[in-house]
Amino acid sequence: MGKKAATSSLRSRRLKKQPGWSPPPQIGGGAASPPNNCSLVGKGKKKTGGARLWMRLDQSGRHELMELDKNAIIRRTSIPARDLRILGPVFSHSSSILAREKAMVVNLEFIKAIVTAEEVLLVDPLRQEVLPFVEQLRQQLPCKSPFHGAGHEDEQDNEMRVSTGRQWLPVPEATEGLQCELPFEFQVLEIALEVVCTYLDSSVADLERNAYPVLDELARNVSTKNLEHVRSLKSNLTRLLARVQKVRDEIEHLLDDNEDMAHLYLTRKWIQNQPPEALLGAAASNSIVTASPHPHLRRLGSARSGSLVTSNFHDDNDVEDLEMLLEAYFMQLDGTRNKILSVREYIGDTEDYVNIQLDNQRNELIQLQLTLTIASFAVAIETLIAAWFGMNIPFPLYNVQGISIRRSTTGTG
């Protein structure tokens, strides 16, 4: 009996220990680390879920797709967090161009980008409206970049040299033309304004193409269907006018403030923050004639490099290039706005014409109502006379001999 009790106690101890060491708890315990990993993955997924798709394009037109969250963008571009809200879906139809210390925040209609002196970060580059802008950047940035390849350098060399027999001579006008090249940030801004203005112009053209036939049909036939078409047309016109007005007002705001335009010169600020030795070394490495065997071409290259460096320190308040760029698109947007206003004026004229037609019909109805009222009044008078003489009351004329009152009353009735 003692042995049986001892074995039963040992079995009970093993059974008590078994839940802690049995395979199911081990699976649960072994699965404890995967949940931690899954939680980490879940956190990572939350980060990627909070992250957005960005496209990075550099000065040579090379591009890559990246998923970056807000913190990575802030560290990369040194912009405040509130600027990222401007690029969000809440401000989808707002327009703003903001200058920051190392970046420019561009929010023009569907184009939402952060531009620095070296690269541009574009939000949601796979949207249907943004694809033309991406294509324009890929095509035009390599062409506008002064140093993007050996073939382009050869073209610049050919433009900067004139052949006289076997000797190549430098052309000063070519070096001046290279200095007039827009900085990278203004190239991106120009392409963005061009795409937005083209999109708005096409929208206005579609509006004009649909508006005039509908308005002419309303002038010919005032019906509920035509009035509904005009109402929808006016709502589309109001929204389009507001969008054009926002972009136009933003450009006008920049043109009115030279200080804001000066802050948009990111390349100038970037060069000013660099040490002179680094600038001279970069200019010497980017010189297109450093390997030339001709000494006068080497002097031309060094002079050109030095001028490109020193010209950026000259007159920090010079905003003529940006002012000319903005004025051109301001005039284009002003013309687009005038087209919308002309359509709205045509709508107003059509409404006035329709109101005149309705007033004429209303006057005819009033005239008919007045005629019916007069006729009803005449009938009522005759009915009153007949009723007056048809009352059962004593009347002295009934007793007079030779007077036919009933016959005259009947004739009057």
Foldseek 3Di string as FASTA:
>chain_A
DVVVVVVVVVVVVCVVCCVVVPVVVVVVVVCVVVVVVVVVVVVVVVQLVQWFWKWKAWLQLDIDIDTHHQVVVCVVQVDDSVLVVCLDPVVQLFFAWAFDQFWIFGRARNWTWIGGQTMIITTPCPDPLNVVLSVCSNPVSNVLDCDNDLVSLVVLVVVQWDDDPPDTDGDVVSLVVVLPRDGPLVVSVLSVLVSSLVVLLVVLVVLVVPQPVLLVVCLVPPDPVSVVVVVVSVVSLVSSLVSLVNNLVNLVVCLVDLVRLLSSPNVLSVLVPDDPVVLLVVQCVRQSCCPPPDVNSNVVSSVSSVCSSVVSVPDSSDNPVVNVSSVVSSVSSVVSSVSSVVSVVSSVVSVVSVVVVVVVVVVVVVVVVVVVVVVVVVVVVLVVLLVVVPDPDDDVVVPDPPDDPVVVSVVSD
